[in-house]
Amino acid sequence: SNMERRLKYNISSKISLRQYFSGSVQRKQLFGILESMTAALLAAEGYLLSDESFLLEEDYIFVDVGQKAGYLLAFPVEREKENQREYYDFVRRLMFGLNFDETEDCAYVAALMNYVNRKENFSLKGFLETVKRLERENGIQSPAESRPEM
């Protein structure tokens, strides 16, 4: 019908976040995803796109495995407000479901959760800084050089 609209996204050579995190998750994988997604949401604010425009669902976030970067899908449509997940809530739920690589020092998990659980003081900028600090402390190269496109 004339009322129907379809949005197409090129997701070739990418897998869903759910698939990407289905096994044992290493910290560089998690840092890469959290950094790229948080940076994308921050950049979107500059274009006056609210985080409600993005689909924060593991099946609809796509990962470039080579870059360890997450790509968010934006939907420029109004949706039911009560179905919207806040980003900190999305991150908290995502991390609760992960199997972290036990061979690594997992202190970073508690550090991330401490930040996420301060929901009234949660900010994208502060969270991004926290992720980058933890990357440095864990000797991990930031994926920021290969910024995901909006």
C-alpha atoms as a PDB file:
ATOM      1  CA  SER A   1       0.000   0.000   0.000  1.00  0.00           C
ATOM      2  CA  ASN A   2       0.971   3.658  -0.346  1.00  0.00           C
ATOM      3  CA  MET A   3       1.202   4.009   3.439  1.00  0.00           C
ATOM      4  CA  GLU A   4       3.925   1.372   3.691  1.00  0.00           C
ATOM      5  CA  ARG A   5       7.526   2.525   4.058  1.00  0.00           C
ATOM      6  CA  ARG A   6      10.614   0.331   4.059  1.00  0.00           C
ATOM      7  CA  LEU A   7      14.071   1.221   5.331  1.00  0.00           C
ATOM      8  CA  LYS A   8      17.063  -0.602   3.869  1.00  0.00           C
ATOM      9  CA  TYR A   9      20.441  -0.916   5.551  1.00  0.00           C
ATOM     10  CA  ASN A  10      23.580  -2.440   4.096  1.00  0.00           C
ATOM     11  CA  ILE A  11      24.694  -5.031   6.639  1.00  0.00           C
ATOM     12  CA  SER A  12      26.739  -7.226   4.314  1.00  0.00           C
ATOM     13  CA  SER A  13      29.891  -8.601   5.992  1.00  0.00           C
ATOM     14  CA  LYS A  14      28.452  -7.805   9.426  1.00  0.00           C
ATOM     15  CA  ILE A  15      26.921 -10.077  12.070  1.00  0.00           C
ATOM     16  CA  SER A  16      24.393  -9.279  14.762  1.00  0.00           C
ATOM     17  CA  LEU A  17      25.612  -8.275  18.211  1.00  0.00           C
ATOM     18  CA  ARG A  18      23.805 -11.323  19.599  1.00  0.00           C
ATOM     19  CA  GLN A  19      25.898 -13.621  17.351  1.00  0.00           C
ATOM     20  CA  TYR A  20      29.097 -11.698  18.085  1.00  0.00           C
ATOM     21  CA  PHE A  21      28.660 -12.086  21.845  1.00  0.00           C
ATOM     22  CA  SER A  22      27.320 -15.649  21.757  1.00  0.00           C
ATOM     23  CA  GLY A  23      30.569 -17.273  22.893  1.00  0.00           C
ATOM     24  CA  SER A  24      33.219 -16.300  25.413  1.00  0.00           C
ATOM     25  CA  VAL A  25      33.648 -12.520  25.294  1.00  0.00           C
ATOM     26  CA  GLN A  26      37.084 -10.908  25.515  1.00  0.00           C
ATOM     27  CA  ARG A  27      37.500  -7.430  26.940  1.00  0.00           C
ATOM     28  CA  LYS A  28      38.810  -5.982  23.650  1.00  0.00           C
ATOM     29  CA  GLN A  29      35.570  -7.137  21.977  1.00  0.00           C
ATOM     30  CA  LEU A  30      33.405  -5.497  24.634  1.00  0.00           C
ATOM     31  CA  PHE A  31      35.460  -2.292  24.721  1.00  0.00           C
ATOM     32  CA  GLY A  32      35.357  -2.008  20.919  1.00  0.00           C
ATOM     33  CA  ILE A  33      31.572  -2.367  20.826  1.00  0.00           C
ATOM     34  CA  LEU A  34      30.859  -0.057  23.773  1.00  0.00           C
ATOM     35  CA  GLU A  35      33.267   2.598  22.527  1.00  0.00           C
ATOM     36  CA  SER A  36      31.950   2.631  18.956  1.00  0.00           C
ATOM     37  CA  MET A  37      28.281   2.585  19.988  1.00  0.00           C
ATOM     38  CA  THR A  38      28.692   5.293  22.640  1.00  0.00           C
ATOM     39  CA  ALA A  39      30.690   7.465  20.226  1.00  0.00           C
ATOM     40  CA  ALA A  40      27.983   7.002  17.571  1.00  0.00           C
ATOM     41  CA  LEU A  41      25.247   8.068  20.021  1.00  0.00           C
ATOM     42  CA  LEU A  42      27.313  11.106  21.049  1.00  0.00           C
ATOM     43  CA  ALA A  43      27.867  12.040  17.394  1.00  0.00           C
ATOM     44  CA  ALA A  44      24.144  11.614  16.728  1.00  0.00           C
ATOM     45  CA  GLU A  45      23.362  14.208  19.410  1.00  0.00           C
ATOM     46  CA  GLY A  46      25.294  16.674  17.234  1.00  0.00           C
ATOM     47  CA  TYR A  47      22.793  15.979  14.450  1.00  0.00           C
ATOM     48  CA  LEU A  48      19.925  16.387  16.941  1.00  0.00           C
ATOM     49  CA  LEU A  49      19.082  12.698  16.679  1.00  0.00           C
ATOM     50  CA  SER A  50      17.914  11.454  20.062  1.00  0.00           C
ATOM     51  CA  ASP A  51      18.963   8.012  21.246  1.00  0.00           C
ATOM     52  CA  GLU A  52      15.287   7.071  20.866  1.00  0.00           C
ATOM     53  CA  SER A  53      15.970   7.056  17.100  1.00  0.00           C
ATOM     54  CA  PHE A  54      18.186   4.006  17.506  1.00  0.00           C
ATOM     55  CA  LEU A  55      17.171   0.416  17.907  1.00  0.00           C
ATOM     56  CA  LEU A  56      18.979  -0.816  21.028  1.00  0.00           C
ATOM     57  CA  GLU A  57      18.353  -4.509  20.453  1.00  0.00           C
ATOM     58  CA  GLU A  58      21.060  -7.140  20.107  1.00  0.00           C
ATOM     59  CA  ASP A  59      19.475  -8.528  16.936  1.00  0.00           C
ATOM     60  CA  TYR A  60      19.491  -5.105  15.224  1.00  0.00           C
ATOM     61  CA  ILE A  61      22.971  -3.891  16.124  1.00  0.00           C
ATOM     62  CA  PHE A  62      25.553  -5.096  13.644  1.00  0.00           C
ATOM     63  CA  VAL A  63      29.236  -5.728  14.153  1.00  0.00           C
ATOM     64  CA  ASP A  64      32.165  -5.372  11.814  1.00  0.00           C
ATOM     65  CA  VAL A  65      34.204  -8.226  13.273  1.00  0.00           C
ATOM     66  CA  GLY A  66      37.491  -6.972  11.797  1.00  0.00           C
ATOM     67  CA  GLN A  67      37.131  -3.542  13.379  1.00  0.00           C
ATOM     68  CA  LYS A  68      35.367  -4.784  16.544  1.00  0.00           C
ATOM     69  CA  ALA A  69      32.950  -1.914  15.956  1.00  0.00           C
ATOM     70  CA  GLY A  70      29.189  -1.842  16.444  1.00  0.00           C
ATOM     71  CA  TYR A  71      26.837  -0.187  13.962  1.00  0.00           C
ATOM     72  CA  LEU A  72      23.536   1.192  15.191  1.00  0.00           C
ATOM     73  CA  LEU A  73      20.447   1.376  13.014  1.00  0.00           C
ATOM     74  CA  ALA A  74      18.585   4.677  13.179  1.00  0.00           C
ATOM     75  CA  PHE A  75      14.835   4.746  12.662  1.00  0.00           C
ATOM     76  CA  PRO A  76      13.619   8.285  11.987  1.00  0.00           C
ATOM     77  CA  VAL A  77      10.114   7.392  13.119  1.00  0.00           C
ATOM     78  CA  GLU A  78       8.182   7.885  16.343  1.00  0.00           C
ATOM     79  CA  ARG A  79       7.827   4.742  18.413  1.00  0.00           C
ATOM     80  CA  GLU A  80       6.081   3.814  21.626  1.00  0.00           C
ATOM     81  CA  LYS A  81       7.926   5.600  24.431  1.00  0.00           C
ATOM     82  CA  GLU A  82       7.461   2.815  26.986  1.00  0.00           C
ATOM     83  CA  ASN A  83       9.180   0.318  24.664  1.00  0.00           C
ATOM     84  CA  GLN A  84      12.296   2.495  24.497  1.00  0.00           C
ATOM     85  CA  ARG A  85      15.357   1.285  26.355  1.00  0.00           C
ATOM     86  CA  GLU A  86      17.692   3.860  27.814  1.00  0.00           C
ATOM     87  CA  TYR A  87      21.296   3.284  26.778  1.00  0.00           C
ATOM     88  CA  TYR A  88      22.585   2.605  30.308  1.00  0.00           C
ATOM     89  CA  ASP A  89      19.792   0.046  30.754  1.00  0.00           C
ATOM     90  CA  PHE A  90      20.692  -1.564  27.433  1.00  0.00           C
ATOM     91  CA  VAL A  91      24.372  -1.805  28.472  1.00  0.00           C
ATOM     92  CA  ARG A  92      23.492  -3.228  31.890  1.00  0.00           C
ATOM     93  CA  ARG A  93      21.231  -5.914  30.421  1.00  0.00           C
ATOM     94  CA  LEU A  94      23.743  -6.705  27.681  1.00  0.00           C
ATOM     95  CA  MET A  95      26.557  -7.237  30.191  1.00  0.00           C
ATOM     96  CA  PHE A  96      24.441  -9.386  32.498  1.00  0.00           C
ATOM     97  CA  GLY A  97      23.959 -11.835  29.635  1.00  0.00           C
ATOM     98  CA  LEU A  98      27.624 -12.170  28.621  1.00  0.00           C
ATOM     99  CA  ASN A  99      30.070 -14.967  29.334  1.00  0.00           C
ATOM    100  CA  PHE A 100      33.339 -13.166  30.002  1.00  0.00           C
ATOM    101  CA  ASP A 101      36.642 -14.807  29.123  1.00  0.00           C
ATOM    102  CA  GLU A 102      37.789 -16.259  32.461  1.00  0.00           C
ATOM    103  CA  THR A 103      41.434 -16.299  31.355  1.00  0.00           C
ATOM    104  CA  GLU A 104      41.468 -12.481  31.506  1.00  0.00           C
ATOM    105  CA  ASP A 105      41.432 -10.204  34.547  1.00  0.00           C
ATOM    106  CA  CYS A 106      37.733  -9.325  34.719  1.00  0.00           C
ATOM    107  CA  ALA A 107      38.051  -6.331  37.104  1.00  0.00           C
ATOM    108  CA  TYR A 108      36.973  -4.111  34.181  1.00  0.00           C
ATOM    109  CA  VAL A 109      33.478  -5.658  34.318  1.00  0.00           C
ATOM    110  CA  ALA A 110      32.862  -4.298  37.824  1.00  0.00           C
ATOM    111  CA  ALA A 111      34.312  -0.908  36.820  1.00  0.00           C
ATOM    112  CA  LEU A 112      31.922  -0.665  33.846  1.00  0.00           C
ATOM    113  CA  MET A 113      28.925  -1.803  35.883  1.00  0.00           C
ATOM    114  CA  ASN A 114      29.720   0.723  38.624  1.00  0.00           C
ATOM    115  CA  TYR A 115      29.470   3.520  36.057  1.00  0.00           C
ATOM    116  CA  VAL A 116      26.337   2.139  34.381  1.00  0.00           C
ATOM    117  CA  ASN A 117      24.535   1.679  37.709  1.00  0.00           C
ATOM    118  CA  ARG A 118      24.831   5.399  38.525  1.00  0.00           C
ATOM    119  CA  LYS A 119      21.886   5.969  36.214  1.00  0.00           C
ATOM    120  CA  GLU A 120      20.954   9.485  37.380  1.00  0.00           C
ATOM    121  CA  ASN A 121      24.572  10.585  36.765  1.00  0.00           C
ATOM    122  CA  PHE A 122      25.035   8.506  33.601  1.00  0.00           C
ATOM    123  CA  SER A 123      26.261  10.478  30.602  1.00  0.00           C
ATOM    124  CA  LEU A 124      27.413   9.257  27.207  1.00  0.00           C
ATOM    125  CA  LYS A 125      30.546  11.404  27.448  1.00  0.00           C
ATOM    126  CA  GLY A 126      31.409  10.104  30.926  1.00  0.00           C
ATOM    127  CA  PHE A 127      30.778   6.510  29.887  1.00  0.00           C
ATOM    128  CA  LEU A 128      32.963   6.889  26.773  1.00  0.00           C
ATOM    129  CA  GLU A 129      35.766   8.336  28.936  1.00  0.00           C
ATOM    130  CA  THR A 130      35.394   5.401  31.360  1.00  0.00           C
ATOM    131  CA  VAL A 131      35.617   2.850  28.517  1.00  0.00           C
ATOM    132  CA  LYS A 132      38.699   4.578  27.053  1.00  0.00           C
ATOM    133  CA  ARG A 133      40.402   4.742  30.480  1.00  0.00           C
ATOM    134  CA  LEU A 134      39.768   1.012  31.002  1.00  0.00           C
ATOM    135  CA  GLU A 135      41.148   0.284  27.523  1.00  0.00           C
ATOM    136  CA  ARG A 136      44.356   2.134  28.405  1.00  0.00           C
ATOM    137  CA  GLU A 137      44.614   0.382  31.780  1.00  0.00           C
ATOM    138  CA  ASN A 138      44.176  -2.982  30.037  1.00  0.00           C
ATOM    139  CA  GLY A 139      46.709  -2.155  27.300  1.00  0.00           C
ATOM    140  CA  ILE A 140      44.103  -2.291  24.542  1.00  0.00           C
ATOM    141  CA  GLN A 141      44.329  -0.240  21.367  1.00  0.00           C
ATOM    142  CA  SER A 142      41.285   1.990  21.015  1.00  0.00           C
ATOM    143  CA  PRO A 143      39.224   1.265  17.879  1.00  0.00           C
ATOM    144  CA  ALA A 144      38.568   5.026  17.582  1.00  0.00           C
ATOM    145  CA  GLU A 145      40.898   5.347  14.581  1.00  0.00           C
ATOM    146  CA  SER A 146      38.388   3.342  12.550  1.00  0.00           C
ATOM    147  CA  ARG A 147      35.231   5.287  13.417  1.00  0.00           C
ATOM    148  CA  PRO A 148      31.991   3.628  12.334  1.00  0.00           C
ATOM    149  CA  GLU A 149      30.104   5.739   9.835  1.00  0.00           C
ATOM    150  CA  MET A 150      26.776   7.171  10.897  1.00  0.00           C
END
